[in-house]
Amino acid sequence: MTTPSTPSDDPPLRETASRLWRFMKPHRWGLMLSVLAFVLVAATEPLIPKLLGYALGEGFNAKPATTSVIGLPGTAASAVSPASAAAPSMASINLDYSFPIWMVPIVLIGLFAIRGLFTFCGQYMLNWTISRTVMDIRTALLQVLLRADARVYTSLQPATAVTKVVNDPQHVVTLIAGSLVTILRDGLPALALMGYLFVLNWKLTLLSLITVPGLAFVVRKVNKRVRRMGTWAYDAQLRLVSVVEDVTRAWRVVRSFDAAGYETRRFGDRAREVQRSMLKTAASNAMAQPLSQLMASVGISIIVSLALYQSRVNGTGVGEFASFVAALLFMSSRLRHLSDVMQPITNALVVARGCIGLLDTPAEPDTGTRELSNVRGDIALKQVTLRYPGANRDALAALNLHIPAGKTTALVGSSGAGKSSVVNLLLGFERPDSGTILLDGVAIDELTKANLRRQFAVVSQDIVLFDTSVADNIAYGQERDDVKLEQALRAAALWDFAQSLPEGLDTMVGANGSKLSGGQRQRLAIARALYKDAPVWIFDEATSALDTESERAVQQALEQWQGRKTLIVIAHRLSTIRRADCIQVMADGQVVESGDHDELLARDGVYAGMVKVQH
């Protein structure tokens, strides 16, 4: 079980908060309007205890201003006896109180209507800021993934990347926004009430601050544990996500090996780790409020007792006392909510440290400045050496290889001979440790990565399709041209199938082409390469999943382009490269034989031995 990391092992949360602010800063005017709205709400807060004190002090003690007696019929006013004047009937009295009762509902309703309006405006503008901040963070993270060095993807799990780009930014900003709402909704009114309390009785109000050091100590200790437990919980959550990603990605392998029980146990171990870490985090969060309330109750009890003592000694009116106590209790209620603010912020910064850390992913080096146009496709590798990190031998060892423009060149050899390494170098996914790679006589290091890759159309043995339509998969990254689509589909022996689909070329293919067969997926990938119409085509085991008839149709289509395109074909099935202009036989990162099919058979060397083995 992974133990939680200590706070000293983690980057400072202050740095993470600073980086988050950079994304929120462009939308700060929305945040400022939100703060302004909550300030206006807070300004009305002292009016409530003020109205309460006025009602208790003036309303209940109000005296009749005038008492007029209405004479009975046939009786003069002067004839009324003093006794009857001292105890008139209710029907004979007109009371004119100095406290207008009808103003009470008008003032209260109007006050809360104004507060409600400003509260709505404040929360709306805050969420406006949040939504745009989340969008900016997600966009920045995706841009990092798009530009990341190829070697990053050897350790970055797809599910982890999805969590960091999609889920984490929303979770982080939502937690911070909730805390910010609490600060604005409860913190600002608490300050307003504090000012009102100073006006009423500054001595007692100063006494209310005696619990502040204790509260600060409690919050600091709790936050330290919350940060440690939150880091553990976040890491455990990512490990659980990786298990689920493995199960969904490799479900065929799981079922083929009857490994459901094993995966269930593996998931259970990770889920229990998450459950324990979440429980510890919740326990850490739960400690804050009761401890804070205990500290606050000490101060309130002292202040209320002293207020009662002053009221008895100095003869303070009930209205003033009620107003002070009401304001004090209202402020205490606000402060109780504020005691829960730091825990969500700490949890948010822990999660943010994980996703914002993705921004530090090293970008793919792109030092080239030149742009080539009208490329012929002449490729030369001169004394190229390549060794992957952690490998104990070179993948390519002083390789010399020439691929003429407009010719079909086949690369053959056993697994690990270096064929795929050549492709990675040509596309700029790897950089040679030594040597030079030329395209039409220009070193590819001098070209921008975008310009270099525009010269190549690649069909890999690992087929990758997108969860969109047939047409969008073929015209990926380019403008849709129905004429070119048909040509590419016919050349890939897929036109008749595409026409039979329910929605034709607009039919969705599913996640990674899950609605297609293996051969259909591979032919769709071939059609995508043909549609690109690049000067150099690379087919890395492109026909390995095709039946004999489909393979022959694709080969015939490719032969039509011989002399006009530079074709690089990597194949283990030697029958697919018999008509190549040149066959380069590779072993241990070097070319050991070169020639056409008949020449190599006549030499009776490595290639001839491979042909005999396959036959």
Foldseek 3Di string as FASTA:
>chain_A
DDAFDAPVVDDDLVVLVVVLVVLLVVLCVLLVLLLVLLLVLLLLLLVVLVVQLCCVFQVVPWDFPDWAFDDDPPDDPVPDDPVCVVPPDPVGTDGDTPDDPVVVVVVVVVSVVSSVVSNVSSLVSLVVSLVSSLVSLLVLLVVLVVFFALVVVVPDDPLLSCCLRPPLSNLLSVLLSVLVSLCSNQVSNLVSLLVVLCVLPVVLSVLLCPLVVVLVVLLVVLLSQLLRLLLQLLVLVSVLSRLVVCCVVPVVVCVVVVVPVVSVVVNVVSVVSNVVSVVSNVVSLVVQLVSNVVSSVVSLVVSLVVLVVCCVVVVDDPSSNSSNNVSVVSSSVSVSSNSNSSSSNSSSSSSSCVSVVSSVRHGQDWPADDADDPFQFKKWWAQFWADDPPDPAILAGGATDTFGGLFEEEEEEDPSLNPVVVVCVQLSSDPTPDTFMDGVRHTCSNHGSVRSNLQEQEQAPPQFAAQFFLQCRQQPPHDGDVVLLCVLCQLQVRQVVQCPDPVRRRDTLHHRNPNDDPSNSLSSSSSSSSSSVHQEYEYHCSCVPPDPVSLVSNLVSVVVSRSRHRYYYYDLPCVSCQPGQKYFYGGSNYGPDMGHNVVVCVVVDDVVVSVVVVD
